[in-house]
PDB file of N, CA and C in Angstrom:
ATOM      1  N   MET A   1     154.339  79.149  37.158  1.00  0.00           N
ATOM      2  CA  MET A   1     154.189  77.716  37.392  1.00  0.00           C
ATOM      3  C   MET A   1     152.795  77.287  36.937  1.00  0.00           C
ATOM      4  N   PRO A   2     152.689  76.275  36.071  1.00  0.00           N
ATOM      5  CA  PRO A   2     151.376  75.838  35.604  1.00  0.00           C
ATOM      6  C   PRO A   2     150.591  75.163  36.720  1.00  0.00           C
ATOM      7  N   SER A   3     149.302  75.333  36.675  1.00  0.00           N
ATOM      8  CA  SER A   3     148.420  74.746  37.679  1.00  0.00           C
ATOM      9  C   SER A   3     147.895  73.403  37.174  1.00  0.00           C
ATOM     10  N   THR A   4     147.775  72.439  38.069  1.00  0.00           N
ATOM     11  CA  THR A   4     147.198  71.149  37.700  1.00  0.00           C
ATOM     12  C   THR A   4     145.724  71.092  38.068  1.00  0.00           C
ATOM     13  N   PHE A   5     145.175  72.177  38.618  1.00  0.00           N
ATOM     14  CA  PHE A   5     143.774  72.222  39.000  1.00  0.00           C
ATOM     15  C   PHE A   5     142.891  72.267  37.766  1.00  0.00           C
ATOM     16  N   LEU A   6     141.881  71.444  37.729  1.00  0.00           N
ATOM     17  CA  LEU A   6     140.900  71.480  36.652  1.00  0.00           C
ATOM     18  C   LEU A   6     139.689  72.249  37.134  1.00  0.00           C
ATOM     19  N   ASP A   7     139.071  73.021  36.249  1.00  0.00           N
ATOM     20  CA  ASP A   7     137.881  73.746  36.653  1.00  0.00           C
ATOM     21  C   ASP A   7     136.741  72.759  36.912  1.00  0.00           C
ATOM     22  N   ASP A   8     135.669  73.260  37.514  1.00  0.00           N
ATOM     23  CA  ASP A   8     134.548  72.404  37.921  1.00  0.00           C
ATOM     24  C   ASP A   8     133.938  71.618  36.762  1.00  0.00           C
ATOM     25  N   ALA A   9     134.004  72.159  35.553  1.00  0.00           N
ATOM     26  CA  ALA A   9     133.408  71.485  34.405  1.00  0.00           C
ATOM     27  C   ALA A   9     134.251  70.315  33.911  1.00  0.00           C
ATOM     28  N   ARG A  10     135.526  70.233  34.336  1.00  0.00           N
ATOM     29  CA  ARG A  10     136.406  69.173  33.845  1.00  0.00           C
ATOM     30  C   ARG A  10     136.948  68.267  34.938  1.00  0.00           C
ATOM     31  N   ASP A  11     136.777  68.603  36.188  1.00  0.00           N
ATOM     32  CA  ASP A  11     137.326  67.816  37.291  1.00  0.00           C
ATOM     33  C   ASP A  11     136.505  66.536  37.473  1.00  0.00           C
ATOM     34  N   PRO A  12     137.121  65.358  37.267  1.00  0.00           N
ATOM     35  CA  PRO A  12     136.359  64.105  37.385  1.00  0.00           C
ATOM     36  C   PRO A  12     135.696  63.909  38.746  1.00  0.00           C
ATOM     37  N   LEU A  13     136.318  64.381  39.812  1.00  0.00           N
ATOM     38  CA  LEU A  13     135.726  64.192  41.141  1.00  0.00           C
ATOM     39  C   LEU A  13     134.459  65.025  41.300  1.00  0.00           C
ATOM     40  N   ILE A  14     134.472  66.223  40.779  1.00  0.00           N
ATOM     41  CA  ILE A  14     133.278  67.074  40.854  1.00  0.00           C
ATOM     42  C   ILE A  14     132.180  66.516  39.956  1.00  0.00           C
ATOM     43  N   ILE A  15     132.570  66.009  38.800  1.00  0.00           N
ATOM     44  CA  ILE A  15     131.591  65.382  37.908  1.00  0.00           C
ATOM     45  C   ILE A  15     130.966  64.157  38.564  1.00  0.00           C
ATOM     46  N   ALA A  16     131.784  63.320  39.217  1.00  0.00           N
ATOM     47  CA  ALA A  16     131.265  62.138  39.920  1.00  0.00           C
ATOM     48  C   ALA A  16     130.275  62.551  41.011  1.00  0.00           C
ATOM     49  N   GLU A  17     130.603  63.602  41.733  1.00  0.00           N
ATOM     50  CA  GLU A  17     129.701  64.089  42.786  1.00  0.00           C
ATOM     51  C   GLU A  17     128.354  64.503  42.195  1.00  0.00           C
ATOM     52  N   GLY A  18     128.395  65.193  41.053  1.00  0.00           N
ATOM     53  CA  GLY A  18     127.160  65.605  40.386  1.00  0.00           C
ATOM     54  C   GLY A  18     126.339  64.421  39.926  1.00  0.00           C
ATOM     55  N   TRP A  19     127.019  63.426  39.354  1.00  0.00           N
ATOM     56  CA  TRP A  19     126.309  62.228  38.914  1.00  0.00           C
ATOM     57  C   TRP A  19     125.635  61.542  40.093  1.00  0.00           C
ATOM     58  N   MET A  20     126.325  61.455  41.221  1.00  0.00           N
ATOM     59  CA  MET A  20     125.745  60.809  42.404  1.00  0.00           C
ATOM     60  C   MET A  20     124.541  61.592  42.915  1.00  0.00           C
ATOM     61  N   LYS A  21     124.633  62.915  42.898  1.00  0.00           N
ATOM     62  CA  LYS A  21     123.494  63.749  43.313  1.00  0.00           C
ATOM     63  C   LYS A  21     122.301  63.542  42.394  1.00  0.00           C
ATOM     64  N   ASP A  22     122.575  63.168  41.133  1.00  0.00           N
ATOM     65  CA  ASP A  22     121.509  62.879  40.168  1.00  0.00           C
ATOM     66  C   ASP A  22     120.985  61.455  40.307  1.00  0.00           C
ATOM     67  N   GLY A  23     121.493  60.706  41.290  1.00  0.00           N
ATOM     68  CA  GLY A  23     121.013  59.363  41.555  1.00  0.00           C
ATOM     69  C   GLY A  23     121.693  58.264  40.756  1.00  0.00           C
ATOM     70  N   LYS A  24     122.788  58.593  40.095  1.00  0.00           N
ATOM     71  CA  LYS A  24     123.494  57.585  39.303  1.00  0.00           C
ATOM     72  C   LYS A  24     124.441  56.766  40.176  1.00  0.00           C
ATOM     73  N   ASP A  25     124.635  55.499  39.799  1.00  0.00           N
ATOM     74  CA  ASP A  25     125.660  54.660  40.416  1.00  0.00           C
ATOM     75  C   ASP A  25     126.978  54.979  39.730  1.00  0.00           C
ATOM     76  N   VAL A  26     128.024  55.185  40.534  1.00  0.00           N
ATOM     77  CA  VAL A  26     129.290  55.689  40.000  1.00  0.00           C
ATOM     78  C   VAL A  26     130.470  54.913  40.576  1.00  0.00           C
ATOM     79  N   ALA A  27     131.462  54.675  39.716  1.00  0.00           N
ATOM     80  CA  ALA A  27     132.747  54.124  40.158  1.00  0.00           C
ATOM     81  C   ALA A  27     133.829  55.128  39.794  1.00  0.00           C
ATOM     82  N   ILE A  28     134.915  55.066  40.551  1.00  0.00           N
ATOM     83  CA  ILE A  28     136.072  55.897  40.247  1.00  0.00           C
ATOM     84  C   ILE A  28     137.292  55.009  40.122  1.00  0.00           C
ATOM     85  N   ALA A  29     138.070  55.276  39.090  1.00  0.00           N
ATOM     86  CA  ALA A  29     139.337  54.573  38.868  1.00  0.00           C
ATOM     87  C   ALA A  29     140.453  55.588  39.112  1.00  0.00           C
ATOM     88  N   THR A  30     141.447  55.187  39.896  1.00  0.00           N
ATOM     89  CA  THR A  30     142.537  56.082  40.260  1.00  0.00           C
ATOM     90  C   THR A  30     143.869  55.401  39.978  1.00  0.00           C
ATOM     91  N   VAL A  31     144.766  56.102  39.284  1.00  0.00           N
ATOM     92  CA  VAL A  31     146.123  55.600  39.092  1.00  0.00           C
ATOM     93  C   VAL A  31     146.825  55.681  40.441  1.00  0.00           C
ATOM     94  N   VAL A  32     147.242  54.523  40.967  1.00  0.00           N
ATOM     95  CA  VAL A  32     147.874  54.500  42.288  1.00  0.00           C
ATOM     96  C   VAL A  32     149.370  54.220  42.226  1.00  0.00           C
ATOM     97  N   GLU A  33     149.841  53.723  41.083  1.00  0.00           N
ATOM     98  CA  GLU A  33     151.266  53.427  40.963  1.00  0.00           C
ATOM     99  C   GLU A  33     151.639  53.371  39.489  1.00  0.00           C
ATOM    100  N   THR A  34     152.837  53.839  39.163  1.00  0.00           N
ATOM    101  CA  THR A  34     153.354  53.717  37.796  1.00  0.00           C
ATOM    102  C   THR A  34     154.800  53.253  37.856  1.00  0.00           C
ATOM    103  N   TRP A  35     155.218  52.542  36.818  1.00  0.00           N
ATOM    104  CA  TRP A  35     156.615  52.137  36.652  1.00  0.00           C
ATOM    105  C   TRP A  35     157.005  52.467  35.232  1.00  0.00           C
ATOM    106  N   GLY A  36     158.178  53.003  35.052  1.00  0.00           N
ATOM    107  CA  GLY A  36     158.631  53.331  33.706  1.00  0.00           C
ATOM    108  C   GLY A  36     157.795  54.455  33.133  1.00  0.00           C
ATOM    109  N   SER A  37     157.557  54.390  31.851  1.00  0.00           N
ATOM    110  CA  SER A  37     156.814  55.422  31.150  1.00  0.00           C
ATOM    111  C   SER A  37     155.316  55.156  31.281  1.00  0.00           C
ATOM    112  N   ALA A  38     154.560  56.176  31.696  1.00  0.00           N
ATOM    113  CA  ALA A  38     153.113  56.049  31.833  1.00  0.00           C
ATOM    114  C   ALA A  38     152.453  57.330  31.328  1.00  0.00           C
ATOM    115  N   PRO A  39     151.336  57.204  30.590  1.00  0.00           N
ATOM    116  CA  PRO A  39     150.709  58.379  30.001  1.00  0.00           C
ATOM    117  C   PRO A  39     150.078  59.331  31.016  1.00  0.00           C
ATOM    118  N   ARG A  40     149.658  58.821  32.174  1.00  0.00           N
ATOM    119  CA  ARG A  40     148.996  59.656  33.178  1.00  0.00           C
ATOM    120  C   ARG A  40     149.690  59.441  34.525  1.00  0.00           C
ATOM    121  N   PRO A  41     149.834  60.503  35.319  1.00  0.00           N
ATOM    122  CA  PRO A  41     150.528  60.381  36.594  1.00  0.00           C
ATOM    123  C   PRO A  41     149.672  59.753  37.688  1.00  0.00           C
ATOM    124  N   VAL A  42     150.339  59.328  38.758  1.00  0.00           N
ATOM    125  CA  VAL A  42     149.639  58.849  39.955  1.00  0.00           C
ATOM    126  C   VAL A  42     148.656  59.932  40.389  1.00  0.00           C
ATOM    127  N   GLY A  43     147.459  59.499  40.771  1.00  0.00           N
ATOM    128  CA  GLY A  43     146.422  60.434  41.198  1.00  0.00           C
ATOM    129  C   GLY A  43     145.433  60.793  40.103  1.00  0.00           C
ATOM    130  N   SER A  44     145.696  60.376  38.869  1.00  0.00           N
ATOM    131  CA  SER A  44     144.757  60.648  37.772  1.00  0.00           C
ATOM    132  C   SER A  44     143.489  59.834  37.980  1.00  0.00           C
ATOM    133  N   HIS A  45     142.349  60.414  37.591  1.00  0.00           N
ATOM    134  CA  HIS A  45     141.049  59.772  37.828  1.00  0.00           C
ATOM    135  C   HIS A  45     140.251  59.606  36.545  1.00  0.00           C
ATOM    136  N   LEU A  46     139.485  58.532  36.528  1.00  0.00           N
ATOM    137  CA  LEU A  46     138.478  58.282  35.506  1.00  0.00           C
ATOM    138  C   LEU A  46     137.216  57.911  36.266  1.00  0.00           C
ATOM    139  N   VAL A  47     136.109  58.614  36.014  1.00  0.00           N
ATOM    140  CA  VAL A  47     134.841  58.272  36.664  1.00  0.00           C
ATOM    141  C   VAL A  47     133.914  57.666  35.630  1.00  0.00           C
ATOM    142  N   ILE A  48     133.136  56.679  36.070  1.00  0.00           N
ATOM    143  CA  ILE A  48     132.285  55.907  35.180  1.00  0.00           C
ATOM    144  C   ILE A  48     130.936  55.727  35.850  1.00  0.00           C
ATOM    145  N   ASP A  49     129.835  55.895  35.086  1.00  0.00           N
ATOM    146  CA  ASP A  49     128.530  55.597  35.663  1.00  0.00           C
ATOM    147  C   ASP A  49     128.041  54.242  35.149  1.00  0.00           C
ATOM    148  N   ALA A  50     126.909  53.785  35.668  1.00  0.00           N
ATOM    149  CA  ALA A  50     126.406  52.442  35.362  1.00  0.00           C
ATOM    150  C   ALA A  50     126.028  52.264  33.894  1.00  0.00           C
ATOM    151  N   GLU A  51     125.827  53.364  33.153  1.00  0.00           N
ATOM    152  CA  GLU A  51     125.508  53.278  31.736  1.00  0.00           C
ATOM    153  C   GLU A  51     126.764  53.275  30.867  1.00  0.00           C
ATOM    154  N   GLY A  52     127.938  53.392  31.493  1.00  0.00           N
ATOM    155  CA  GLY A  52     129.185  53.395  30.746  1.00  0.00           C
ATOM    156  C   GLY A  52     129.662  54.780  30.338  1.00  0.00           C
ATOM    157  N   THR A  53     128.953  55.817  30.783  1.00  0.00           N
ATOM    158  CA  THR A  53     129.419  57.179  30.538  1.00  0.00           C
ATOM    159  C   THR A  53     130.669  57.386  31.384  1.00  0.00           C
ATOM    160  N   PHE A  54     131.679  58.047  30.830  1.00  0.00           N
ATOM    161  CA  PHE A  54     132.911  58.232  31.585  1.00  0.00           C
ATOM    162  C   PHE A  54     133.486  59.619  31.364  1.00  0.00           C
ATOM    163  N   HIS A  55     134.330  60.030  32.289  1.00  0.00           N
ATOM    164  CA  HIS A  55     135.000  61.325  32.204  1.00  0.00           C
ATOM    165  C   HIS A  55     136.342  61.212  32.913  1.00  0.00           C
ATOM    166  N   GLY A  56     137.356  61.822  32.329  1.00  0.00           N
ATOM    167  CA  GLY A  56     138.697  61.772  32.894  1.00  0.00           C
ATOM    168  C   GLY A  56     139.542  60.783  32.126  1.00  0.00           C
ATOM    169  N   SER A  57     140.700  60.432  32.708  1.00  0.00           N
ATOM    170  CA  SER A  57     141.601  59.501  32.029  1.00  0.00           C
ATOM    171  C   SER A  57     142.586  58.895  33.020  1.00  0.00           C
ATOM    172  N   VAL A  58     142.841  57.604  32.847  1.00  0.00           N
ATOM    173  CA  VAL A  58     143.884  56.942  33.628  1.00  0.00           C
ATOM    174  C   VAL A  58     145.016  56.432  32.749  1.00  0.00           C
ATOM    175  N   SER A  59     144.798  56.413  31.433  1.00  0.00           N
ATOM    176  CA  SER A  59     145.857  55.929  30.557  1.00  0.00           C
ATOM    177  C   SER A  59     145.632  56.299  29.104  1.00  0.00           C
ATOM    178  N   GLY A  60     144.627  55.750  28.498  1.00  0.00           N
ATOM    179  CA  GLY A  60     144.400  55.916  27.072  1.00  0.00           C
ATOM    180  C   GLY A  60     144.499  54.567  26.388  1.00  0.00           C
ATOM    181  N   GLY A  61     144.244  54.552  25.108  1.00  0.00           N
ATOM    182  CA  GLY A  61     144.333  53.313  24.347  1.00  0.00           C
ATOM    183  C   GLY A  61     143.405  52.240  24.878  1.00  0.00           C
ATOM    184  N   CYS A  62     143.842  50.991  24.739  1.00  0.00           N
ATOM    185  CA  CYS A  62     143.014  49.858  25.138  1.00  0.00           C
ATOM    186  C   CYS A  62     142.846  49.779  26.648  1.00  0.00           C
ATOM    187  N   VAL A  63     143.762  50.366  27.409  1.00  0.00           N
ATOM    188  CA  VAL A  63     143.676  50.327  28.873  1.00  0.00           C
ATOM    189  C   VAL A  63     142.411  51.016  29.355  1.00  0.00           C
ATOM    190  N   GLU A  64     142.096  52.176  28.791  1.00  0.00           N
ATOM    191  CA  GLU A  64     140.914  52.916  29.219  1.00  0.00           C
ATOM    192  C   GLU A  64     139.646  52.077  29.043  1.00  0.00           C
ATOM    193  N   GLY A  65     139.516  51.403  27.908  1.00  0.00           N
ATOM    194  CA  GLY A  65     138.356  50.552  27.673  1.00  0.00           C
ATOM    195  C   GLY A  65     138.268  49.412  28.674  1.00  0.00           C
ATOM    196  N   ALA A  66     139.403  48.825  28.987  1.00  0.00           N
ATOM    197  CA  ALA A  66     139.422  47.732  29.969  1.00  0.00           C
ATOM    198  C   ALA A  66     139.031  48.236  31.358  1.00  0.00           C
ATOM    199  N   VAL A  67     139.496  49.420  31.726  1.00  0.00           N
ATOM    200  CA  VAL A  67     139.164  49.995  33.038  1.00  0.00           C
ATOM    201  C   VAL A  67     137.663  50.289  33.115  1.00  0.00           C
ATOM    202  N   ILE A  68     137.089  50.820  32.042  1.00  0.00           N
ATOM    203  CA  ILE A  68     135.651  51.107  32.034  1.00  0.00           C
ATOM    204  C   ILE A  68     134.860  49.813  32.195  1.00  0.00           C
ATOM    205  N   SER A  69     135.255  48.766  31.489  1.00  0.00           N
ATOM    206  CA  SER A  69     134.579  47.471  31.603  1.00  0.00           C
ATOM    207  C   SER A  69     134.652  46.935  33.036  1.00  0.00           C
ATOM    208  N   GLU A  70     135.832  46.994  33.635  1.00  0.00           N
ATOM    209  CA  GLU A  70     135.995  46.525  35.020  1.00  0.00           C
ATOM    210  C   GLU A  70     135.180  47.395  35.984  1.00  0.00           C
ATOM    211  N   ALA A  71     135.107  48.696  35.705  1.00  0.00           N
ATOM    212  CA  ALA A  71     134.347  49.600  36.576  1.00  0.00           C
ATOM    213  C   ALA A  71     132.866  49.247  36.575  1.00  0.00           C
ATOM    214  N   LEU A  72     132.343  48.833  35.426  1.00  0.00           N
ATOM    215  CA  LEU A  72     130.943  48.421  35.374  1.00  0.00           C
ATOM    216  C   LEU A  72     130.711  47.199  36.259  1.00  0.00           C
ATOM    217  N   ASP A  73     131.673  46.279  36.294  1.00  0.00           N
ATOM    218  CA  ASP A  73     131.586  45.126  37.196  1.00  0.00           C
ATOM    219  C   ASP A  73     131.625  45.573  38.651  1.00  0.00           C
ATOM    220  N   VAL A  74     132.484  46.532  38.950  1.00  0.00           N
ATOM    221  CA  VAL A  74     132.608  47.043  40.321  1.00  0.00           C
ATOM    222  C   VAL A  74     131.310  47.728  40.751  1.00  0.00           C
ATOM    223  N   ILE A  75     130.689  48.480  39.856  1.00  0.00           N
ATOM    224  CA  ILE A  75     129.415  49.122  40.186  1.00  0.00           C
ATOM    225  C   ILE A  75     128.378  48.056  40.518  1.00  0.00           C
ATOM    226  N   GLY A  76     128.344  46.985  39.722  1.00  0.00           N
ATOM    227  CA  GLY A  76     127.374  45.918  39.946  1.00  0.00           C
ATOM    228  C   GLY A  76     127.602  45.130  41.216  1.00  0.00           C
ATOM    229  N   SER A  77     128.859  44.837  41.521  1.00  0.00           N
ATOM    230  CA  SER A  77     129.174  43.978  42.664  1.00  0.00           C
ATOM    231  C   SER A  77     129.422  44.760  43.950  1.00  0.00           C
ATOM    232  N   GLY A  78     129.863  45.997  43.808  1.00  0.00           N
ATOM    233  CA  GLY A  78     130.247  46.786  44.981  1.00  0.00           C
ATOM    234  C   GLY A  78     131.626  46.446  45.508  1.00  0.00           C
ATOM    235  N   LYS A  79     132.300  45.481  44.871  1.00  0.00           N
ATOM    236  CA  LYS A  79     133.623  45.046  45.330  1.00  0.00           C
ATOM    237  C   LYS A  79     134.717  45.763  44.547  1.00  0.00           C
ATOM    238  N   PRO A  80     135.620  46.470  45.229  1.00  0.00           N
ATOM    239  CA  PRO A  80     136.697  47.179  44.533  1.00  0.00           C
ATOM    240  C   PRO A  80     137.679  46.208  43.885  1.00  0.00           C
ATOM    241  N   LYS A  81     138.426  46.712  42.901  1.00  0.00           N
ATOM    242  CA  LYS A  81     139.425  45.901  42.206  1.00  0.00           C
ATOM    243  C   LYS A  81     140.711  46.703  42.041  1.00  0.00           C
ATOM    244  N   MET A  82     141.835  45.999  42.112  1.00  0.00           N
ATOM    245  CA  MET A  82     143.131  46.577  41.771  1.00  0.00           C
ATOM    246  C   MET A  82     143.526  45.993  40.425  1.00  0.00           C
ATOM    247  N   LEU A  83     143.726  46.840  39.445  1.00  0.00           N
ATOM    248  CA  LEU A  83     144.066  46.408  38.091  1.00  0.00           C
ATOM    249  C   LEU A  83     145.506  46.785  37.785  1.00  0.00           C
ATOM    250  N   GLU A  84     146.190  45.950  37.040  1.00  0.00           N
ATOM    251  CA  GLU A  84     147.559  46.263  36.637  1.00  0.00           C
ATOM    252  C   GLU A  84     147.689  46.042  35.142  1.00  0.00           C
ATOM    253  N   PHE A  85     148.286  47.019  34.480  1.00  0.00           N
ATOM    254  CA  PHE A  85     148.491  46.960  33.044  1.00  0.00           C
ATOM    255  C   PHE A  85     149.943  47.248  32.758  1.00  0.00           C
ATOM    256  N   GLY A  86     150.513  46.499  31.839  1.00  0.00           N
ATOM    257  CA  GLY A  86     151.894  46.746  31.473  1.00  0.00           C
ATOM    258  C   GLY A  86     152.157  46.265  30.060  1.00  0.00           C
ATOM    259  N   VAL A  87     153.129  46.918  29.440  1.00  0.00           N
ATOM    260  CA  VAL A  87     153.484  46.541  28.086  1.00  0.00           C
ATOM    261  C   VAL A  87     154.931  46.963  27.844  1.00  0.00           C
ATOM    262  N   ALA A  88     155.647  46.161  27.124  1.00  0.00           N
ATOM    263  CA  ALA A  88     157.030  46.490  26.782  1.00  0.00           C
ATOM    264  C   ALA A  88     157.054  47.636  25.775  1.00  0.00           C
ATOM    265  N   ASP A  89     158.072  48.471  25.862  1.00  0.00           N
ATOM    266  CA  ASP A  89     158.189  49.616  24.958  1.00  0.00           C
ATOM    267  C   ASP A  89     158.071  49.217  23.492  1.00  0.00           C
ATOM    268  N   GLU A  90     158.680  48.100  23.112  1.00  0.00           N
ATOM    269  CA  GLU A  90     158.697  47.712  21.708  1.00  0.00           C
ATOM    270  C   GLU A  90     157.343  47.242  21.189  1.00  0.00           C
ATOM    271  N   THR A  91     156.410  46.879  22.083  1.00  0.00           N
ATOM    272  CA  THR A  91     155.090  46.434  21.630  1.00  0.00           C
ATOM    273  C   THR A  91     153.993  47.428  21.978  1.00  0.00           C
ATOM    274  N   ALA A  92     154.336  48.536  22.605  1.00  0.00           N
ATOM    275  CA  ALA A  92     153.334  49.494  23.077  1.00  0.00           C
ATOM    276  C   ALA A  92     152.430  49.998  21.957  1.00  0.00           C
ATOM    277  N   TRP A  93     152.993  50.379  20.823  1.00  0.00           N
ATOM    278  CA  TRP A  93     152.179  50.926  19.735  1.00  0.00           C
ATOM    279  C   TRP A  93     151.215  49.887  19.175  1.00  0.00           C
ATOM    280  N   GLN A  94     151.577  48.616  19.222  1.00  0.00           N
ATOM    281  CA  GLN A  94     150.719  47.569  18.663  1.00  0.00           C
ATOM    282  C   GLN A  94     149.404  47.439  19.414  1.00  0.00           C
ATOM    283  N   VAL A  95     149.381  47.793  20.693  1.00  0.00           N
ATOM    284  CA  VAL A  95     148.158  47.660  21.483  1.00  0.00           C
ATOM    285  C   VAL A  95     147.492  49.001  21.737  1.00  0.00           C
ATOM    286  N   GLY A  96     147.934  50.040  21.046  1.00  0.00           N
ATOM    287  CA  GLY A  96     147.267  51.330  21.143  1.00  0.00           C
ATOM    288  C   GLY A  96     147.788  52.238  22.233  1.00  0.00           C
ATOM    289  N   LEU A  97     148.939  51.940  22.804  1.00  0.00           N
ATOM    290  CA  LEU A  97     149.519  52.791  23.830  1.00  0.00           C
ATOM    291  C   LEU A  97     150.699  53.549  23.245  1.00  0.00           C
ATOM    292  N   SER A  98     150.905  54.736  23.746  1.00  0.00           N
ATOM    293  CA  SER A  98     151.975  55.569  23.196  1.00  0.00           C
ATOM    294  C   SER A  98     153.312  55.325  23.882  1.00  0.00           C
ATOM    295  N   CYS A  99     153.329  54.512  24.934  1.00  0.00           N
ATOM    296  CA  CYS A  99     154.574  54.281  25.657  1.00  0.00           C
ATOM    297  C   CYS A  99     154.506  52.942  26.368  1.00  0.00           C
ATOM    298  N   GLY A 100     155.638  52.477  26.830  1.00  0.00           N
ATOM    299  CA  GLY A 100     155.694  51.232  27.582  1.00  0.00           C
ATOM    300  C   GLY A 100     155.491  51.529  29.067  1.00  0.00           C
ATOM    301  N   GLY A 101     155.939  50.632  29.909  1.00  0.00           N
ATOM    302  CA  GLY A 101     155.793  50.820  31.342  1.00  0.00           C
ATOM    303  C   GLY A 101     154.604  50.063  31.886  1.00  0.00           C
ATOM    304  N   LYS A 102     154.308  50.322  33.153  1.00  0.00           N
ATOM    305  CA  LYS A 102     153.197  49.664  33.838  1.00  0.00           C
ATOM    306  C   LYS A 102     152.447  50.692  34.659  1.00  0.00           C
ATOM    307  N   ILE A 103     151.151  50.423  34.837  1.00  0.00           N
ATOM    308  CA  ILE A 103     150.359  51.238  35.753  1.00  0.00           C
ATOM    309  C   ILE A 103     149.504  50.315  36.604  1.00  0.00           C
ATOM    310  N   ARG A 104     149.205  50.767  37.798  1.00  0.00           N
ATOM    311  CA  ARG A 104     148.260  50.077  38.682  1.00  0.00           C
ATOM    312  C   ARG A 104     147.108  51.040  38.929  1.00  0.00           C
ATOM    313  N   VAL A 105     145.889  50.538  38.743  1.00  0.00           N
ATOM    314  CA  VAL A 105     144.678  51.360  38.850  1.00  0.00           C
ATOM    315  C   VAL A 105     143.729  50.722  39.850  1.00  0.00           C
ATOM    316  N   TYR A 106     143.294  51.513  40.841  1.00  0.00           N
ATOM    317  CA  TYR A 106     142.340  51.043  41.845  1.00  0.00           C
ATOM    318  C   TYR A 106     140.960  51.529  41.424  1.00  0.00           C
ATOM    319  N   VAL A 107     139.999  50.602  41.352  1.00  0.00           N
ATOM    320  CA  VAL A 107     138.629  50.929  40.944  1.00  0.00           C
ATOM    321  C   VAL A 107     137.692  50.618  42.096  1.00  0.00           C
ATOM    322  N   GLU A 108     136.883  51.621  42.479  1.00  0.00           N
ATOM    323  CA  GLU A 108     135.939  51.425  43.578  1.00  0.00           C
ATOM    324  C   GLU A 108     134.615  52.115  43.280  1.00  0.00           C
ATOM    325  N   ARG A 109     133.565  51.569  43.851  1.00  0.00           N
ATOM    326  CA  ARG A 109     132.245  52.179  43.729  1.00  0.00           C
ATOM    327  C   ARG A 109     132.154  53.315  44.742  1.00  0.00           C
ATOM    328  N   LEU A 110     131.533  54.397  44.343  1.00  0.00           N
ATOM    329  CA  LEU A 110     131.314  55.516  45.245  1.00  0.00           C
ATOM    330  C   LEU A 110     129.927  55.435  45.846  1.00  0.00           C
ATOM    331  N   GLY A 111     129.792  55.906  47.051  1.00  0.00           N
ATOM    332  CA  GLY A 111     128.494  55.965  47.703  1.00  0.00           C
ATOM    333  C   GLY A 111     128.152  54.748  48.500  1.00  0.00           C
TER     334      GLY A 111
END
């Protein structure tokens, strides 16, 4: 049975913890819901620091860039956001996504 555990060098949560110990402001984005086809499962994480450095993945394509942008706002304001992205299967490739469906991503500041 394949393991879904990531080693310490690749686990976004461990990386976020390290960034915080280094004094960086950090946000975490978590896939909390999916409908239809989605590139990443519920529970996937993307961590972002105040300089826009990121690690992990919640989707890919244009969605990832939008989540990083929103995360920078969350770091600045301290207010969490619930983001929802969706695209029809027939238009998915046009916007840089490999599949249709919808995802909901919760973004919050850590610390």
